[in-house]
Amino acid sequence: MALRTALTGVDPGWARLRLAAIATAAMVLAAGIMSVLRALTGISVTVVMFAAVLAMISNLAVNEPDLNRRRVTTVAMVLPAALAVLGGTLLAPYRVIADVVFVVVIMIAVYVRRFVPRGFALGMAGFMPYFFTQFLHATASELGWLLIATAIGISSTLLMGCWLFAERPERTLARLVQAFRAHVYAVIEAVADVLVATRS
């Protein structure tokens, strides 16, 4: 019971565990699909990494409580992510222009965060792909594959987080109640120990 109480105290309702599990599963799925394509076509490992990173980011960025809204937001992330990949890849050889555009992308990403929670997700979908195209020195020859990796990375999160392992409110409530009961039990035990100690 002590171990159960400690675990529920660290993560009531298993929210963090579930989020980490979905992110890991989405990353593995995206990387697996891109690895198969790499074995068949010889594309760069950079593209595989890119798909996995986008799967992780899209999972962490979407935090709306309603399942249908999460699905819409996740699908909507494809557009800003694709535009960021396109712009970042084509501008990569022109460092000064790419840096200026990067600042503009950051400003837009920060501005749209005011339209929470969807704005935060869409802002991240624009910022992170642009950053990684610059960081990984993406080339125009990889553009098509990077766009495919964008779709696969975000689709992996959509499949894992919004369909296969979609959170159900009743399950979350049941786990939270269970966590609450475990903590009440721990408090009762602590009070009982104090009463025993005072009597002796």
C-alpha atoms as a PDB file:
ATOM      1  CA  MET A   1       0.000   0.000   0.000  1.00  0.00           C
ATOM      2  CA  ALA A   2       2.908   2.357   0.749  1.00  0.00           C
ATOM      3  CA  LEU A   3       4.344   1.804  -2.722  1.00  0.00           C
ATOM      4  CA  ARG A   4       0.936   2.356  -4.310  1.00  0.00           C
ATOM      5  CA  THR A   5       0.465   5.580  -2.344  1.00  0.00           C
ATOM      6  CA  ALA A   6       3.895   6.824  -3.372  1.00  0.00           C
ATOM      7  CA  LEU A   7       3.267   6.056  -7.038  1.00  0.00           C
ATOM      8  CA  THR A   8      -0.130   7.744  -7.092  1.00  0.00           C
ATOM      9  CA  GLY A   9       1.361  10.754  -5.346  1.00  0.00           C
ATOM     10  CA  VAL A  10       4.016  11.160  -8.014  1.00  0.00           C
ATOM     11  CA  ASP A  11       1.571  10.789 -10.885  1.00  0.00           C
ATOM     12  CA  PRO A  12      -2.125  10.965  -9.871  1.00  0.00           C
ATOM     13  CA  GLY A  13      -4.299   9.480 -12.578  1.00  0.00           C
ATOM     14  CA  TRP A  14      -1.221   8.234 -14.474  1.00  0.00           C
ATOM     15  CA  ALA A  15      -1.302  11.373 -16.637  1.00  0.00           C
ATOM     16  CA  ARG A  16       2.462  11.733 -16.971  1.00  0.00           C
ATOM     17  CA  LEU A  17       2.999   8.011 -17.519  1.00  0.00           C
ATOM     18  CA  ARG A  18       0.349   7.950 -20.224  1.00  0.00           C
ATOM     19  CA  LEU A  19       1.801  11.018 -21.955  1.00  0.00           C
ATOM     20  CA  ALA A  20       5.305   9.547 -21.898  1.00  0.00           C
ATOM     21  CA  ALA A  21       4.070   6.181 -23.155  1.00  0.00           C
ATOM     22  CA  ILE A  22       2.166   7.729 -26.066  1.00  0.00           C
ATOM     23  CA  ALA A  23       5.144   9.934 -26.983  1.00  0.00           C
ATOM     24  CA  THR A  24       7.459   6.926 -26.941  1.00  0.00           C
ATOM     25  CA  ALA A  25       5.065   4.772 -28.966  1.00  0.00           C
ATOM     26  CA  ALA A  26       4.543   7.547 -31.533  1.00  0.00           C
ATOM     27  CA  MET A  27       8.299   8.106 -31.849  1.00  0.00           C
ATOM     28  CA  VAL A  28       8.947   4.393 -32.294  1.00  0.00           C
ATOM     29  CA  LEU A  29       6.196   4.124 -34.913  1.00  0.00           C
ATOM     30  CA  ALA A  30       7.403   7.164 -36.870  1.00  0.00           C
ATOM     31  CA  ALA A  31      11.044   6.094 -36.696  1.00  0.00           C
ATOM     32  CA  GLY A  32      10.109   2.550 -37.673  1.00  0.00           C
ATOM     33  CA  ILE A  33       8.172   3.633 -40.763  1.00  0.00           C
ATOM     34  CA  MET A  34      10.921   6.013 -41.846  1.00  0.00           C
ATOM     35  CA  SER A  35      13.587   3.377 -41.191  1.00  0.00           C
ATOM     36  CA  VAL A  36      11.784   1.008 -43.550  1.00  0.00           C
ATOM     37  CA  LEU A  37      11.660   3.770 -46.172  1.00  0.00           C
ATOM     38  CA  ARG A  38      15.349   4.465 -45.553  1.00  0.00           C
ATOM     39  CA  ALA A  39      16.199   0.804 -46.095  1.00  0.00           C
ATOM     40  CA  LEU A  40      14.247   0.838 -49.368  1.00  0.00           C
ATOM     41  CA  THR A  41      15.400   4.206 -50.703  1.00  0.00           C
ATOM     42  CA  GLY A  42      18.639   5.079 -48.923  1.00  0.00           C
ATOM     43  CA  ILE A  43      17.398   8.411 -47.547  1.00  0.00           C
ATOM     44  CA  SER A  44      19.416  10.156 -44.851  1.00  0.00           C
ATOM     45  CA  VAL A  45      19.121   9.155 -41.203  1.00  0.00           C
ATOM     46  CA  THR A  46      18.373  12.834 -40.602  1.00  0.00           C
ATOM     47  CA  VAL A  47      14.913  12.296 -42.058  1.00  0.00           C
ATOM     48  CA  VAL A  48      14.297   9.381 -39.687  1.00  0.00           C
ATOM     49  CA  MET A  49      15.314  11.527 -36.711  1.00  0.00           C
ATOM     50  CA  PHE A  50      13.135  14.358 -37.948  1.00  0.00           C
ATOM     51  CA  ALA A  51      10.016  12.185 -38.054  1.00  0.00           C
ATOM     52  CA  ALA A  52      10.664  10.877 -34.536  1.00  0.00           C
ATOM     53  CA  VAL A  53      11.217  14.377 -33.139  1.00  0.00           C
ATOM     54  CA  LEU A  54       8.012  15.669 -34.736  1.00  0.00           C
ATOM     55  CA  ALA A  55       6.081  12.744 -33.264  1.00  0.00           C
ATOM     56  CA  MET A  56       7.345  13.665 -29.806  1.00  0.00           C
ATOM     57  CA  ILE A  57       6.709  17.395 -30.218  1.00  0.00           C
ATOM     58  CA  SER A  58       3.197  16.995 -31.591  1.00  0.00           C
ATOM     59  CA  ASN A  59       2.298  14.758 -28.663  1.00  0.00           C
ATOM     60  CA  LEU A  60       3.643  17.154 -26.029  1.00  0.00           C
ATOM     61  CA  ALA A  61       2.271  20.309 -27.657  1.00  0.00           C
ATOM     62  CA  VAL A  62      -1.376  19.228 -27.892  1.00  0.00           C
ATOM     63  CA  ASN A  63      -2.936  19.431 -24.420  1.00  0.00           C
ATOM     64  CA  GLU A  64      -6.610  20.121 -25.010  1.00  0.00           C
ATOM     65  CA  PRO A  65      -8.987  18.233 -22.694  1.00  0.00           C
ATOM     66  CA  ASP A  66     -11.574  17.421 -25.377  1.00  0.00           C
ATOM     67  CA  LEU A  67     -10.699  14.451 -27.586  1.00  0.00           C
ATOM     68  CA  ASN A  68     -12.269  15.841 -30.778  1.00  0.00           C
ATOM     69  CA  ARG A  69     -10.430  19.137 -30.336  1.00  0.00           C
ATOM     70  CA  ARG A  70      -7.162  17.251 -29.818  1.00  0.00           C
ATOM     71  CA  ARG A  71      -7.727  15.424 -33.075  1.00  0.00           C
ATOM     72  CA  VAL A  72      -8.467  18.639 -34.988  1.00  0.00           C
ATOM     73  CA  THR A  73      -5.461  20.424 -33.483  1.00  0.00           C
ATOM     74  CA  THR A  74      -3.124  17.521 -34.235  1.00  0.00           C
ATOM     75  CA  VAL A  75      -4.251  17.413 -37.874  1.00  0.00           C
ATOM     76  CA  ALA A  76      -3.973  21.212 -38.128  1.00  0.00           C
ATOM     77  CA  MET A  77      -0.329  21.026 -37.032  1.00  0.00           C
ATOM     78  CA  VAL A  78       0.604  19.520 -40.392  1.00  0.00           C
ATOM     79  CA  LEU A  79       0.154  22.826 -42.248  1.00  0.00           C
ATOM     80  CA  PRO A  80       2.462  25.090 -40.165  1.00  0.00           C
ATOM     81  CA  ALA A  81       4.951  22.239 -39.822  1.00  0.00           C
ATOM     82  CA  ALA A  82       5.051  21.690 -43.593  1.00  0.00           C
ATOM     83  CA  LEU A  83       5.422  25.425 -44.251  1.00  0.00           C
ATOM     84  CA  ALA A  84       8.247  25.601 -41.715  1.00  0.00           C
ATOM     85  CA  VAL A  85      10.000  22.635 -43.314  1.00  0.00           C
ATOM     86  CA  LEU A  86       9.613  24.158 -46.760  1.00  0.00           C
ATOM     87  CA  GLY A  87      10.884  27.572 -45.722  1.00  0.00           C
ATOM     88  CA  GLY A  88      13.648  26.287 -43.482  1.00  0.00           C
ATOM     89  CA  THR A  89      15.009  23.858 -46.053  1.00  0.00           C
ATOM     90  CA  LEU A  90      14.968  26.286 -48.984  1.00  0.00           C
ATOM     91  CA  LEU A  91      16.533  29.080 -46.918  1.00  0.00           C
ATOM     92  CA  ALA A  92      19.167  26.899 -45.223  1.00  0.00           C
ATOM     93  CA  PRO A  93      21.962  27.867 -47.689  1.00  0.00           C
ATOM     94  CA  TYR A  94      21.317  31.589 -47.078  1.00  0.00           C
ATOM     95  CA  ARG A  95      22.358  32.017 -43.465  1.00  0.00           C
ATOM     96  CA  VAL A  96      21.504  35.673 -42.926  1.00  0.00           C
ATOM     97  CA  ILE A  97      18.074  35.435 -44.544  1.00  0.00           C
ATOM     98  CA  ALA A  98      17.390  32.152 -42.751  1.00  0.00           C
ATOM     99  CA  ASP A  99      18.244  33.724 -39.399  1.00  0.00           C
ATOM    100  CA  VAL A 100      16.026  36.740 -40.036  1.00  0.00           C
ATOM    101  CA  VAL A 101      13.129  34.475 -41.005  1.00  0.00           C
ATOM    102  CA  PHE A 102      13.838  32.370 -37.915  1.00  0.00           C
ATOM    103  CA  VAL A 103      13.323  35.424 -35.715  1.00  0.00           C
ATOM    104  CA  VAL A 104      10.033  36.113 -37.512  1.00  0.00           C
ATOM    105  CA  VAL A 105       8.962  32.496 -36.995  1.00  0.00           C
ATOM    106  CA  ILE A 106       9.744  32.774 -33.280  1.00  0.00           C
ATOM    107  CA  MET A 107       7.721  35.981 -33.003  1.00  0.00           C
ATOM    108  CA  ILE A 108       4.729  34.394 -34.731  1.00  0.00           C
ATOM    109  CA  ALA A 109       5.013  31.224 -32.635  1.00  0.00           C
ATOM    110  CA  VAL A 110       5.054  33.264 -29.431  1.00  0.00           C
ATOM    111  CA  TYR A 111       2.185  35.496 -30.576  1.00  0.00           C
ATOM    112  CA  VAL A 112      -0.179  32.639 -31.427  1.00  0.00           C
ATOM    113  CA  ARG A 113       0.390  31.138 -27.986  1.00  0.00           C
ATOM    114  CA  ARG A 114      -2.110  33.682 -26.672  1.00  0.00           C
ATOM    115  CA  PHE A 115      -4.813  31.618 -28.421  1.00  0.00           C
ATOM    116  CA  VAL A 116      -4.346  28.742 -26.027  1.00  0.00           C
ATOM    117  CA  PRO A 117      -4.357  25.828 -26.088  1.00  0.00           C
ATOM    118  CA  ARG A 118      -4.526  25.371 -29.863  1.00  0.00           C
ATOM    119  CA  GLY A 119      -2.294  28.363 -30.543  1.00  0.00           C
ATOM    120  CA  PHE A 120       0.483  26.835 -28.464  1.00  0.00           C
ATOM    121  CA  ALA A 121       0.415  23.618 -30.488  1.00  0.00           C
ATOM    122  CA  LEU A 122       0.359  25.412 -33.844  1.00  0.00           C
ATOM    123  CA  GLY A 123       3.148  27.737 -32.732  1.00  0.00           C
ATOM    124  CA  MET A 124       5.305  24.780 -31.763  1.00  0.00           C
ATOM    125  CA  ALA A 125       4.460  23.114 -35.076  1.00  0.00           C
ATOM    126  CA  GLY A 126       5.926  26.122 -36.873  1.00  0.00           C
ATOM    127  CA  PHE A 127       8.907  26.760 -34.632  1.00  0.00           C
ATOM    128  CA  MET A 128      10.407  23.319 -34.037  1.00  0.00           C
ATOM    129  CA  PRO A 129      10.488  22.050 -37.659  1.00  0.00           C
ATOM    130  CA  TYR A 130      12.099  25.293 -38.810  1.00  0.00           C
ATOM    131  CA  PHE A 131      14.673  25.026 -36.040  1.00  0.00           C
ATOM    132  CA  PHE A 132      15.520  21.431 -36.888  1.00  0.00           C
ATOM    133  CA  THR A 133      15.901  22.085 -40.609  1.00  0.00           C
ATOM    134  CA  GLN A 134      18.513  24.689 -39.666  1.00  0.00           C
ATOM    135  CA  PHE A 135      20.133  22.558 -36.981  1.00  0.00           C
ATOM    136  CA  LEU A 136      20.319  19.444 -39.157  1.00  0.00           C
ATOM    137  CA  HIS A 137      21.432  21.448 -42.221  1.00  0.00           C
ATOM    138  CA  ALA A 138      18.624  20.090 -44.379  1.00  0.00           C
ATOM    139  CA  THR A 139      19.183  20.235 -48.125  1.00  0.00           C
ATOM    140  CA  ALA A 140      16.746  20.867 -50.939  1.00  0.00           C
ATOM    141  CA  SER A 141      17.253  17.290 -52.162  1.00  0.00           C
ATOM    142  CA  GLU A 142      15.755  16.059 -48.879  1.00  0.00           C
ATOM    143  CA  LEU A 143      12.744  18.359 -48.997  1.00  0.00           C
ATOM    144  CA  GLY A 144      10.276  15.804 -50.316  1.00  0.00           C
ATOM    145  CA  TRP A 145      11.296  13.244 -47.725  1.00  0.00           C
ATOM    146  CA  LEU A 146      11.199  15.821 -44.950  1.00  0.00           C
ATOM    147  CA  LEU A 147       7.621  16.671 -45.876  1.00  0.00           C
ATOM    148  CA  ILE A 148       6.751  12.974 -45.827  1.00  0.00           C
ATOM    149  CA  ALA A 149       8.491  12.667 -42.454  1.00  0.00           C
ATOM    150  CA  THR A 150       6.400  15.607 -41.210  1.00  0.00           C
ATOM    151  CA  ALA A 151       3.172  13.872 -42.163  1.00  0.00           C
ATOM    152  CA  ILE A 152       4.289  10.531 -40.724  1.00  0.00           C
ATOM    153  CA  GLY A 153       5.534  12.034 -37.450  1.00  0.00           C
ATOM    154  CA  ILE A 154       2.335  13.945 -36.747  1.00  0.00           C
ATOM    155  CA  SER A 155       0.140  11.089 -38.014  1.00  0.00           C
ATOM    156  CA  SER A 156       1.875   8.727 -35.583  1.00  0.00           C
ATOM    157  CA  THR A 157       0.840  10.959 -32.689  1.00  0.00           C
ATOM    158  CA  LEU A 158      -2.675  11.251 -34.089  1.00  0.00           C
ATOM    159  CA  LEU A 159      -2.977   7.472 -34.304  1.00  0.00           C
ATOM    160  CA  MET A 160      -1.473   6.698 -30.904  1.00  0.00           C
ATOM    161  CA  GLY A 161      -2.737   9.603 -28.800  1.00  0.00           C
ATOM    162  CA  CYS A 162      -6.106  10.330 -30.396  1.00  0.00           C
ATOM    163  CA  TRP A 163      -7.273   6.905 -31.517  1.00  0.00           C
ATOM    164  CA  LEU A 164      -5.534   3.790 -30.182  1.00  0.00           C
ATOM    165  CA  PHE A 165      -4.740   5.105 -26.708  1.00  0.00           C
ATOM    166  CA  ALA A 166      -7.188   7.996 -26.483  1.00  0.00           C
ATOM    167  CA  GLU A 167      -7.877   9.070 -22.924  1.00  0.00           C
ATOM    168  CA  ARG A 168     -11.395   8.517 -21.644  1.00  0.00           C
ATOM    169  CA  PRO A 169     -12.610  10.942 -18.947  1.00  0.00           C
ATOM    170  CA  GLU A 170     -14.261   8.172 -16.944  1.00  0.00           C
ATOM    171  CA  ARG A 171     -10.986   6.241 -16.764  1.00  0.00           C
ATOM    172  CA  THR A 172      -9.076   9.320 -15.648  1.00  0.00           C
ATOM    173  CA  LEU A 173     -11.683  10.041 -12.987  1.00  0.00           C
ATOM    174  CA  ALA A 174     -11.517   6.460 -11.706  1.00  0.00           C
ATOM    175  CA  ARG A 175      -7.710   6.637 -11.419  1.00  0.00           C
ATOM    176  CA  LEU A 176      -7.862  10.018  -9.657  1.00  0.00           C
ATOM    177  CA  VAL A 177     -10.398   8.656  -7.157  1.00  0.00           C
ATOM    178  CA  GLN A 178      -8.129   5.670  -6.573  1.00  0.00           C
ATOM    179  CA  ALA A 179      -5.185   8.012  -5.967  1.00  0.00           C
ATOM    180  CA  PHE A 180      -7.279  10.084  -3.555  1.00  0.00           C
ATOM    181  CA  ARG A 181      -8.272   6.981  -1.593  1.00  0.00           C
ATOM    182  CA  ALA A 182      -4.637   5.891  -1.356  1.00  0.00           C
ATOM    183  CA  HIS A 183      -3.657   9.276   0.074  1.00  0.00           C
ATOM    184  CA  VAL A 184      -6.547   9.284   2.545  1.00  0.00           C
ATOM    185  CA  TYR A 185      -5.419   5.841   3.703  1.00  0.00           C
ATOM    186  CA  ALA A 186      -1.870   7.152   4.158  1.00  0.00           C
ATOM    187  CA  VAL A 187      -3.143  10.100   6.226  1.00  0.00           C
ATOM    188  CA  ILE A 188      -5.230   7.788   8.415  1.00  0.00           C
ATOM    189  CA  GLU A 189      -2.199   5.558   9.006  1.00  0.00           C
ATOM    190  CA  ALA A 190      -0.069   8.588   9.904  1.00  0.00           C
ATOM    191  CA  VAL A 191      -2.682   9.879  12.345  1.00  0.00           C
ATOM    192  CA  ALA A 192      -2.997   6.434  13.909  1.00  0.00           C
ATOM    193  CA  ASP A 193       0.782   6.258  14.380  1.00  0.00           C
ATOM    194  CA  VAL A 194       0.774   9.689  16.066  1.00  0.00           C
ATOM    195  CA  LEU A 195      -2.058   8.646  18.428  1.00  0.00           C
ATOM    196  CA  VAL A 196      -0.240   5.439  19.340  1.00  0.00           C
ATOM    197  CA  ALA A 197       2.967   7.368  19.968  1.00  0.00           C
ATOM    198  CA  THR A 198       1.236   9.909  22.216  1.00  0.00           C
ATOM    199  CA  ARG A 199      -0.428   7.210  24.296  1.00  0.00           C
ATOM    200  CA  SER A 200       2.749   5.254  24.916  1.00  0.00           C
END
